[in-house]
Amino acid sequence: MIELIIGGILGTIGSLVIAHFYYQKSSCELDKSIADLKNEIESLKIITESLNEASALIMEDTELIRKHAVIGTTDDPKYPYK
């Protein structure tokens, strides 16, 4: 009977030590993953800002080209027959 109690206690202690080891390991990996994701988010923010600036420039250029492309055509608001 005493052997069963000692075996249960040793099994419980062993399980707790193993569980604690894997908990610590997963916590470190989680912290590393969170840091990597934060760095990725920051780089994506920079890329997004760059794309927004490029998009604004393209819109400006497109509007300028559209103004010059319709001069003298039927789409021109100052076309003589409108």
PDB file of N, CA and C in Angstrom:
ATOM      1  N   MET A   1       0.822  -1.198   0.000  1.00  0.00           N
ATOM      2  CA  MET A   1       0.000   0.000   0.000  1.00  0.00           C
ATOM      3  C   MET A   1       0.865   1.261   0.000  1.00  0.00           C
ATOM      4  N   ILE A   2       1.931   1.249   0.791  1.00  0.00           N
ATOM      5  CA  ILE A   2       2.817   2.400   0.872  1.00  0.00           C
ATOM      6  C   ILE A   2       3.515   2.632  -0.459  1.00  0.00           C
ATOM      7  N   GLU A   3       3.782   1.494  -1.192  1.00  0.00           N
ATOM      8  CA  GLU A   3       4.424   1.637  -2.494  1.00  0.00           C
ATOM      9  C   GLU A   3       3.531   2.388  -3.472  1.00  0.00           C
ATOM     10  N   LEU A   4       2.239   2.158  -3.413  1.00  0.00           N
ATOM     11  CA  LEU A   4       1.287   2.857  -4.297  1.00  0.00           C
ATOM     12  C   LEU A   4       1.255   4.348  -3.982  1.00  0.00           C
ATOM     13  N   ILE A   5       1.274   4.702  -2.735  1.00  0.00           N
ATOM     14  CA  ILE A   5       1.243   6.109  -2.329  1.00  0.00           C
ATOM     15  C   ILE A   5       2.534   6.800  -2.771  1.00  0.00           C
ATOM     16  N   ILE A   6       3.677   6.167  -2.538  1.00  0.00           N
ATOM     17  CA  ILE A   6       4.962   6.751  -2.939  1.00  0.00           C
ATOM     18  C   ILE A   6       5.029   6.860  -4.465  1.00  0.00           C
ATOM     19  N   GLY A   7       4.567   5.836  -5.151  1.00  0.00           N
ATOM     20  CA  GLY A   7       4.552   5.873  -6.613  1.00  0.00           C
ATOM     21  C   GLY A   7       3.653   6.983  -7.140  1.00  0.00           C
ATOM     22  N   GLY A   8       2.506   7.170  -6.500  1.00  0.00           N
ATOM     23  CA  GLY A   8       1.594   8.251  -6.906  1.00  0.00           C
ATOM     24  C   GLY A   8       2.204   9.620  -6.688  1.00  0.00           C
ATOM     25  N   ILE A   9       2.869   9.775  -5.538  1.00  0.00           N
ATOM     26  CA  ILE A   9       3.511  11.065  -5.228  1.00  0.00           C
ATOM     27  C   ILE A   9       4.644  11.344  -6.210  1.00  0.00           C
ATOM     28  N   LEU A  10       5.498  10.336  -6.462  1.00  0.00           N
ATOM     29  CA  LEU A  10       6.601  10.519  -7.403  1.00  0.00           C
ATOM     30  C   LEU A  10       6.088  10.770  -8.827  1.00  0.00           C
ATOM     31  N   GLY A  11       5.032  10.087  -9.201  1.00  0.00           N
ATOM     32  CA  GLY A  11       4.434  10.306 -10.523  1.00  0.00           C
ATOM     33  C   GLY A  11       3.870  11.708 -10.653  1.00  0.00           C
ATOM     34  N   THR A  12       3.232  12.185  -9.598  1.00  0.00           N
ATOM     35  CA  THR A  12       2.679  13.541  -9.605  1.00  0.00           C
ATOM     36  C   THR A  12       3.786  14.580  -9.699  1.00  0.00           C
ATOM     37  N   ILE A  13       4.845  14.391  -8.917  1.00  0.00           N
ATOM     38  CA  ILE A  13       5.965  15.342  -8.945  1.00  0.00           C
ATOM     39  C   ILE A  13       6.629  15.325 -10.312  1.00  0.00           C
ATOM     40  N   GLY A  14       6.840  14.138 -10.863  1.00  0.00           N
ATOM     41  CA  GLY A  14       7.440  14.040 -12.195  1.00  0.00           C
ATOM     42  C   GLY A  14       6.576  14.712 -13.248  1.00  0.00           C
ATOM     43  N   SER A  15       5.281  14.512 -13.195  1.00  0.00           N
ATOM     44  CA  SER A  15       4.363  15.139 -14.148  1.00  0.00           C
ATOM     45  C   SER A  15       4.386  16.662 -14.014  1.00  0.00           C
ATOM     46  N   LEU A  16       4.428  17.141 -12.775  1.00  0.00           N
ATOM     47  CA  LEU A  16       4.466  18.584 -12.559  1.00  0.00           C
ATOM     48  C   LEU A  16       5.767  19.193 -13.090  1.00  0.00           C
ATOM     49  N   VAL A  17       6.891  18.510 -12.900  1.00  0.00           N
ATOM     50  CA  VAL A  17       8.176  19.014 -13.393  1.00  0.00           C
ATOM     51  C   VAL A  17       8.172  19.067 -14.916  1.00  0.00           C
ATOM     52  N   ILE A  18       7.679  18.007 -15.562  1.00  0.00           N
ATOM     53  CA  ILE A  18       7.622  17.971 -17.025  1.00  0.00           C
ATOM     54  C   ILE A  18       6.668  19.035 -17.555  1.00  0.00           C
ATOM     55  N   ALA A  19       5.491  19.166 -16.918  1.00  0.00           N
ATOM     56  CA  ALA A  19       4.528  20.181 -17.351  1.00  0.00           C
ATOM     57  C   ALA A  19       5.103  21.583 -17.200  1.00  0.00           C
ATOM     58  N   HIS A  20       5.815  21.832 -16.097  1.00  0.00           N
ATOM     59  CA  HIS A  20       6.421  23.154 -15.877  1.00  0.00           C
ATOM     60  C   HIS A  20       7.497  23.438 -16.930  1.00  0.00           C
ATOM     61  N   PHE A  21       8.308  22.428 -17.279  1.00  0.00           N
ATOM     62  CA  PHE A  21       9.353  22.587 -18.292  1.00  0.00           C
ATOM     63  C   PHE A  21       8.735  22.972 -19.634  1.00  0.00           C
ATOM     64  N   TYR A  22       7.705  22.258 -20.070  1.00  0.00           N
ATOM     65  CA  TYR A  22       7.082  22.563 -21.355  1.00  0.00           C
ATOM     66  C   TYR A  22       6.317  23.886 -21.329  1.00  0.00           C
ATOM     67  N   TYR A  23       5.757  24.236 -20.166  1.00  0.00           N
ATOM     68  CA  TYR A  23       5.079  25.532 -20.034  1.00  0.00           C
ATOM     69  C   TYR A  23       6.078  26.670 -20.210  1.00  0.00           C
ATOM     70  N   GLN A  24       7.252  26.566 -19.584  1.00  0.00           N
ATOM     71  CA  GLN A  24       8.274  27.602 -19.715  1.00  0.00           C
ATOM     72  C   GLN A  24       8.768  27.699 -21.155  1.00  0.00           C
ATOM     73  N   LYS A  25       8.976  26.546 -21.782  1.00  0.00           N
ATOM     74  CA  LYS A  25       9.446  26.529 -23.171  1.00  0.00           C
ATOM     75  C   LYS A  25       8.415  27.170 -24.093  1.00  0.00           C
ATOM     76  N   SER A  26       7.143  26.847 -23.931  1.00  0.00           N
ATOM     77  CA  SER A  26       6.105  27.421 -24.793  1.00  0.00           C
ATOM     78  C   SER A  26       5.928  28.904 -24.521  1.00  0.00           C
ATOM     79  N   SER A  27       6.116  29.340 -23.291  1.00  0.00           N
ATOM     80  CA  SER A  27       6.020  30.771 -22.976  1.00  0.00           C
ATOM     81  C   SER A  27       7.118  31.556 -23.681  1.00  0.00           C
ATOM     82  N   CYS A  28       8.337  31.012 -23.686  1.00  0.00           N
ATOM     83  CA  CYS A  28       9.443  31.685 -24.380  1.00  0.00           C
ATOM     84  C   CYS A  28       9.186  31.746 -25.880  1.00  0.00           C
ATOM     85  N   GLU A  29       8.691  30.654 -26.445  1.00  0.00           N
ATOM     86  CA  GLU A  29       8.392  30.636 -27.877  1.00  0.00           C
ATOM     87  C   GLU A  29       7.260  31.603 -28.218  1.00  0.00           C
ATOM     88  N   LEU A  30       6.272  31.688 -27.337  1.00  0.00           N
ATOM     89  CA  LEU A  30       5.166  32.615 -27.570  1.00  0.00           C
ATOM     90  C   LEU A  30       5.648  34.059 -27.540  1.00  0.00           C
ATOM     91  N   ASP A  31       6.500  34.391 -26.578  1.00  0.00           N
ATOM     92  CA  ASP A  31       7.050  35.749 -26.505  1.00  0.00           C
ATOM     93  C   ASP A  31       7.856  36.084 -27.760  1.00  0.00           C
ATOM     94  N   LYS A  32       8.636  35.118 -28.249  1.00  0.00           N
ATOM     95  CA  LYS A  32       9.412  35.332 -29.462  1.00  0.00           C
ATOM     96  C   LYS A  32       8.485  35.527 -30.668  1.00  0.00           C
ATOM     97  N   SER A  33       7.433  34.721 -30.745  1.00  0.00           N
ATOM     98  CA  SER A  33       6.477  34.854 -31.849  1.00  0.00           C
ATOM     99  C   SER A  33       5.775  36.204 -31.807  1.00  0.00           C
ATOM    100  N   ILE A  34       5.424  36.661 -30.623  1.00  0.00           N
ATOM    101  CA  ILE A  34       4.766  37.965 -30.481  1.00  0.00           C
ATOM    102  C   ILE A  34       5.703  39.081 -30.923  1.00  0.00           C
ATOM    103  N   ALA A  35       6.964  38.994 -30.534  1.00  0.00           N
ATOM    104  CA  ALA A  35       7.939  40.017 -30.939  1.00  0.00           C
ATOM    105  C   ALA A  35       8.125  40.010 -32.456  1.00  0.00           C
ATOM    106  N   ASP A  36       8.195  38.812 -33.059  1.00  0.00           N
ATOM    107  CA  ASP A  36       8.326  38.729 -34.517  1.00  0.00           C
ATOM    108  C   ASP A  36       7.117  39.339 -35.215  1.00  0.00           C
ATOM    109  N   LEU A  37       5.936  39.059 -34.697  1.00  0.00           N
ATOM    110  CA  LEU A  37       4.718  39.607 -35.302  1.00  0.00           C
ATOM    111  C   LEU A  37       4.651  41.127 -35.161  1.00  0.00           C
ATOM    112  N   LYS A  38       5.097  41.656 -34.030  1.00  0.00           N
ATOM    113  CA  LYS A  38       5.115  43.106 -33.860  1.00  0.00           C
ATOM    114  C   LYS A  38       6.067  43.758 -34.858  1.00  0.00           C
ATOM    115  N   ASN A  39       7.223  43.132 -35.076  1.00  0.00           N
ATOM    116  CA  ASN A  39       8.167  43.661 -36.063  1.00  0.00           C
ATOM    117  C   ASN A  39       7.564  43.599 -37.462  1.00  0.00           C
ATOM    118  N   GLU A  40       6.884  42.526 -37.761  1.00  0.00           N
ATOM    119  CA  GLU A  40       6.247  42.385 -39.075  1.00  0.00           C
ATOM    120  C   GLU A  40       5.157  43.435 -39.267  1.00  0.00           C
ATOM    121  N   ILE A  41       4.396  43.707 -38.225  1.00  0.00           N
ATOM    122  CA  ILE A  41       3.345  44.732 -38.307  1.00  0.00           C
ATOM    123  C   ILE A  41       3.960  46.096 -38.574  1.00  0.00           C
ATOM    124  N   GLU A  42       5.055  46.415 -37.910  1.00  0.00           N
ATOM    125  CA  GLU A  42       5.714  47.700 -38.132  1.00  0.00           C
ATOM    126  C   GLU A  42       6.214  47.824 -39.572  1.00  0.00           C
ATOM    127  N   SER A  43       6.799  46.756 -40.091  1.00  0.00           N
ATOM    128  CA  SER A  43       7.267  46.822 -41.475  1.00  0.00           C
ATOM    129  C   SER A  43       6.091  46.926 -42.440  1.00  0.00           C
ATOM    130  N   LEU A  44       4.985  46.274 -42.131  1.00  0.00           N
ATOM    131  CA  LEU A  44       3.797  46.385 -42.982  1.00  0.00           C
ATOM    132  C   LEU A  44       3.192  47.794 -42.931  1.00  0.00           C
ATOM    133  N   LYS A  45       3.273  48.438 -41.780  1.00  0.00           N
ATOM    134  CA  LYS A  45       2.788  49.819 -41.675  1.00  0.00           C
ATOM    135  C   LYS A  45       3.621  50.736 -42.579  1.00  0.00           C
ATOM    136  N   ILE A  46       4.930  50.538 -42.576  1.00  0.00           N
ATOM    137  CA  ILE A  46       5.805  51.351 -43.429  1.00  0.00           C
ATOM    138  C   ILE A  46       5.488  51.111 -44.895  1.00  0.00           C
ATOM    139  N   ILE A  47       5.301  49.856 -45.265  1.00  0.00           N
ATOM    140  CA  ILE A  47       4.967  49.529 -46.653  1.00  0.00           C
ATOM    141  C   ILE A  47       3.618  50.112 -47.036  1.00  0.00           C
ATOM    142  N   THR A  48       2.649  50.054 -46.131  1.00  0.00           N
ATOM    143  CA  THR A  48       1.324  50.605 -46.413  1.00  0.00           C
ATOM    144  C   THR A  48       1.384  52.107 -46.626  1.00  0.00           C
ATOM    145  N   GLU A  49       2.156  52.803 -45.795  1.00  0.00           N
ATOM    146  CA  GLU A  49       2.305  54.245 -45.978  1.00  0.00           C
ATOM    147  C   GLU A  49       2.941  54.556 -47.329  1.00  0.00           C
ATOM    148  N   SER A  50       3.934  53.783 -47.695  1.00  0.00           N
ATOM    149  CA  SER A  50       4.591  53.977 -48.984  1.00  0.00           C
ATOM    150  C   SER A  50       3.614  53.740 -50.133  1.00  0.00           C
ATOM    151  N   LEU A  51       2.811  52.700 -50.020  1.00  0.00           N
ATOM    152  CA  LEU A  51       1.821  52.416 -51.065  1.00  0.00           C
ATOM    153  C   LEU A  51       0.746  53.500 -51.141  1.00  0.00           C
ATOM    154  N   ASN A  52       0.350  54.039 -50.005  1.00  0.00           N
ATOM    155  CA  ASN A  52      -0.642  55.116 -50.006  1.00  0.00           C
ATOM    156  C   ASN A  52      -0.083  56.369 -50.685  1.00  0.00           C
ATOM    157  N   GLU A  53       1.184  56.677 -50.415  1.00  0.00           N
ATOM    158  CA  GLU A  53       1.815  57.835 -51.065  1.00  0.00           C
ATOM    159  C   GLU A  53       1.912  57.606 -52.576  1.00  0.00           C
ATOM    160  N   ALA A  54       2.308  56.403 -52.969  1.00  0.00           N
ATOM    161  CA  ALA A  54       2.405  56.087 -54.397  1.00  0.00           C
ATOM    162  C   ALA A  54       1.035  56.147 -55.062  1.00  0.00           C
ATOM    163  N   SER A  55       0.025  55.684 -54.366  1.00  0.00           N
ATOM    164  CA  SER A  55      -1.333  55.714 -54.908  1.00  0.00           C
ATOM    165  C   SER A  55      -1.813  57.151 -55.103  1.00  0.00           C
ATOM    166  N   ALA A  56      -1.497  58.022 -54.148  1.00  0.00           N
ATOM    167  CA  ALA A  56      -1.877  59.422 -54.271  1.00  0.00           C
ATOM    168  C   ALA A  56      -1.177  60.066 -55.473  1.00  0.00           C
ATOM    169  N   LEU A  57       0.095  59.763 -55.659  1.00  0.00           N
ATOM    170  CA  LEU A  57       0.822  60.307 -56.812  1.00  0.00           C
ATOM    171  C   LEU A  57       0.243  59.789 -58.131  1.00  0.00           C
ATOM    172  N   ILE A  58      -0.104  58.524 -58.151  1.00  0.00           N
ATOM    173  CA  ILE A  58      -0.693  57.955 -59.363  1.00  0.00           C
ATOM    174  C   ILE A  58      -2.035  58.617 -59.663  1.00  0.00           C
ATOM    175  N   MET A  59      -2.828  58.864 -58.625  1.00  0.00           N
ATOM    176  CA  MET A  59      -4.123  59.532 -58.823  1.00  0.00           C
ATOM    177  C   MET A  59      -3.926  60.932 -59.395  1.00  0.00           C
ATOM    178  N   GLU A  60      -2.948  61.656 -58.856  1.00  0.00           N
ATOM    179  CA  GLU A  60      -2.669  63.000 -59.364  1.00  0.00           C
ATOM    180  C   GLU A  60      -2.229  62.941 -60.820  1.00  0.00           C
ATOM    181  N   ASP A  61      -1.326  62.023 -61.125  1.00  0.00           N
ATOM    182  CA  ASP A  61      -0.845  61.884 -62.501  1.00  0.00           C
ATOM    183  C   ASP A  61      -1.965  61.466 -63.444  1.00  0.00           C
ATOM    184  N   THR A  62      -2.808  60.580 -62.996  1.00  0.00           N
ATOM    185  CA  THR A  62      -3.927  60.116 -63.820  1.00  0.00           C
ATOM    186  C   THR A  62      -4.880  61.269 -64.127  1.00  0.00           C
ATOM    187  N   GLU A  63      -5.147  62.074 -63.137  1.00  0.00           N
ATOM    188  CA  GLU A  63      -6.040  63.224 -63.353  1.00  0.00           C
ATOM    189  C   GLU A  63      -5.408  64.216 -64.328  1.00  0.00           C
ATOM    190  N   LEU A  64      -4.128  64.447 -64.207  1.00  0.00           N
ATOM    191  CA  LEU A  64      -3.424  65.351 -65.115  1.00  0.00           C
ATOM    192  C   LEU A  64      -3.430  64.798 -66.536  1.00  0.00           C
ATOM    193  N   ILE A  65      -3.172  63.526 -66.682  1.00  0.00           N
ATOM    194  CA  ILE A  65      -3.195  62.900 -68.012  1.00  0.00           C
ATOM    195  C   ILE A  65      -4.601  62.938 -68.591  1.00  0.00           C
ATOM    196  N   ARG A  66      -5.600  62.683 -67.771  1.00  0.00           N
ATOM    197  CA  ARG A  66      -6.978  62.704 -68.249  1.00  0.00           C
ATOM    198  C   ARG A  66      -7.355  64.097 -68.775  1.00  0.00           C
ATOM    199  N   LYS A  67      -6.888  65.138 -68.095  1.00  0.00           N
ATOM    200  CA  LYS A  67      -7.181  66.500 -68.555  1.00  0.00           C
ATOM    201  C   LYS A  67      -6.556  66.757 -69.921  1.00  0.00           C
ATOM    202  N   HIS A  68      -5.324  66.320 -70.116  1.00  0.00           N
ATOM    203  CA  HIS A  68      -4.640  66.570 -71.381  1.00  0.00           C
ATOM    204  C   HIS A  68      -5.100  65.626 -72.482  1.00  0.00           C
ATOM    205  N   ALA A  69      -5.567  64.456 -72.134  1.00  0.00           N
ATOM    206  CA  ALA A  69      -5.966  63.471 -73.134  1.00  0.00           C
ATOM    207  C   ALA A  69      -7.305  63.820 -73.782  1.00  0.00           C
ATOM    208  N   VAL A  70      -8.156  64.580 -73.104  1.00  0.00           N
ATOM    209  CA  VAL A  70      -9.486  64.868 -73.654  1.00  0.00           C
ATOM    210  C   VAL A  70      -9.543  66.206 -74.385  1.00  0.00           C
ATOM    211  N   ILE A  71      -8.452  66.971 -74.382  1.00  0.00           N
ATOM    212  CA  ILE A  71      -8.465  68.274 -75.054  1.00  0.00           C
ATOM    213  C   ILE A  71      -8.687  68.052 -76.555  1.00  0.00           C
ATOM    214  N   GLY A  72      -9.693  68.705 -77.076  1.00  0.00           N
ATOM    215  CA  GLY A  72     -10.000  68.636 -78.493  1.00  0.00           C
ATOM    216  C   GLY A  72     -10.845  67.431 -78.883  1.00  0.00           C
ATOM    217  N   THR A  73     -11.255  66.603 -77.915  1.00  0.00           N
ATOM    218  CA  THR A  73     -12.119  65.462 -78.225  1.00  0.00           C
ATOM    219  C   THR A  73     -13.529  65.773 -77.764  1.00  0.00           C
ATOM    220  N   THR A  74     -14.428  64.857 -78.040  1.00  0.00           N
ATOM    221  CA  THR A  74     -15.833  65.076 -77.635  1.00  0.00           C
ATOM    222  C   THR A  74     -16.007  64.993 -76.129  1.00  0.00           C
ATOM    223  N   ASP A  75     -15.039  64.453 -75.437  1.00  0.00           N
ATOM    224  CA  ASP A  75     -15.109  64.401 -73.973  1.00  0.00           C
ATOM    225  C   ASP A  75     -14.662  65.707 -73.334  1.00  0.00           C
ATOM    226  N   ASP A  76     -14.102  66.609 -74.120  1.00  0.00           N
ATOM    227  CA  ASP A  76     -13.627  67.893 -73.612  1.00  0.00           C
ATOM    228  C   ASP A  76     -14.835  68.769 -73.272  1.00  0.00           C
ATOM    229  N   PRO A  77     -14.907  69.282 -72.043  1.00  0.00           N
ATOM    230  CA  PRO A  77     -16.040  70.134 -71.678  1.00  0.00           C
ATOM    231  C   PRO A  77     -16.083  71.448 -72.491  1.00  0.00           C
ATOM    232  N   LYS A  78     -14.941  71.841 -73.040  1.00  0.00           N
ATOM    233  CA  LYS A  78     -14.911  73.081 -73.832  1.00  0.00           C
ATOM    234  C   LYS A  78     -14.969  72.786 -75.337  1.00  0.00           C
ATOM    235  N   TYR A  79     -15.399  71.579 -75.680  1.00  0.00           N
ATOM    236  CA  TYR A  79     -15.511  71.217 -77.089  1.00  0.00           C
ATOM    237  C   TYR A  79     -16.532  72.136 -77.744  1.00  0.00           C
ATOM    238  N   PRO A  80     -16.282  72.612 -78.932  1.00  0.00           N
ATOM    239  CA  PRO A  80     -17.134  73.651 -79.534  1.00  0.00           C
ATOM    240  C   PRO A  80     -18.604  73.285 -79.695  1.00  0.00           C
ATOM    241  N   TYR A  81     -18.931  72.046 -79.833  1.00  0.00           N
ATOM    242  CA  TYR A  81     -20.320  71.693 -80.127  1.00  0.00           C
ATOM    243  C   TYR A  81     -21.122  71.309 -78.902  1.00  0.00           C
ATOM    244  N   LYS A  82     -20.597  71.492 -77.733  1.00  0.00           N
ATOM    245  CA  LYS A  82     -21.370  71.127 -76.547  1.00  0.00           C
ATOM    246  C   LYS A  82     -22.128  72.303 -76.029  1.00  0.00           C
TER     247      LYS A  82
END
